[in-house]
Amino acid sequence: MKQALANIHQQLDALYPPGELRELIRWMMEEVAGIPPYRLLLADDVLTDHQRQQIAAMVERLAKKEPIQYILGKTTFCGLPFQVNREVLIPRPETEELVRLIVDDFTSHPSVRILDIGTGSGCIAVSLASFLPGAQVTGLDVSSLALQVAAGNAALNQVSVSWISQDVLSADVDSCLGQYDCIVSNPPYIMEHEQQEMDAGVLNYEPHQALFVPDTDPLLFYRRIVQLAKRHLTAGGWLYFEINEQCGDAMRELLNRERFSQTEIIKDYFGKDRMLKAQLVL
């Protein structure tokens, strides 16, 4: 074990901050050898040859900045297990805050109808179906491969979610949709120029179509979803977004212009404008 830890540090110390590297080591040792975090301090466990080979292979991929979630094929979101691969984004803690906001708002509405646009791994849709067991939840995505992952995650968490394979920008999407009390979306919102500030693990491994929008049109998906919401939200229904921190004012203007009221921008735990909720006025 001591030699394995020394090898990990030799190859990865220069690539990851100390706190992040400790977390990566915890994931690897727990996954490969079943060693809990407290035993890592002792470093006296004996690894088998097969376990050492598995860890070495993981370290090689981590050295190329591949996210540990893709290496393991899984992650945790809102305390629930999720499978992930390179067809879907890795769920972020900020998105957990969006889910909790919706759960808090609809706990007293057991039969709420929810549409999650751009569902990806299904992390939002599956979590809402789990925490609001009376809800009727639908997830929509342009990627059929992403929807396969999402459907697997619904099965993994033993919840029922309906899935729609459709491009939200398509003129045909209206015919696929019903009426909903809540529409939520974490659409692509990172502007192209922001790529230069991003981690290589995101740029090289996560699906770009789920991340980026043109610098010239950062509200591309939001405008489209707002128009759909005006037709597919019930009277008094609510729209929820995860947003780019730079676009809070522009998003407020968009929602106010399109007959939404009670528009509220909510900061994430980093203090950045990250979530938005608004109610449709008919």
Foldseek 3Di string as FASTA:
>chain_A
DVVLVVVLCVLPVVPDPPVVSLVLVQVLCCVLPVDHSVCVVVVPDDDDPVSSVLSVVLSVVVSVVADVLQVVQWDAALNAIAGDHQQADDDDPQVSVLLVVVLVVCVVPLAFEEEEEQCQLVRSQLVNCLSSVNYAYEYEHQDPVSVVRNVVSNVRSVGDYHYYHDDLPDPPVLVVAAAGLEYEYAAAQDEPVCVVVDDPNCVVRHDPNRHYDYPVCRCVPVLSVLVSCLVRYDAFGKYKYFHDLVCPVVSVVSQVVSQWPPWDFDAGPVRGRTMIMTTHHD
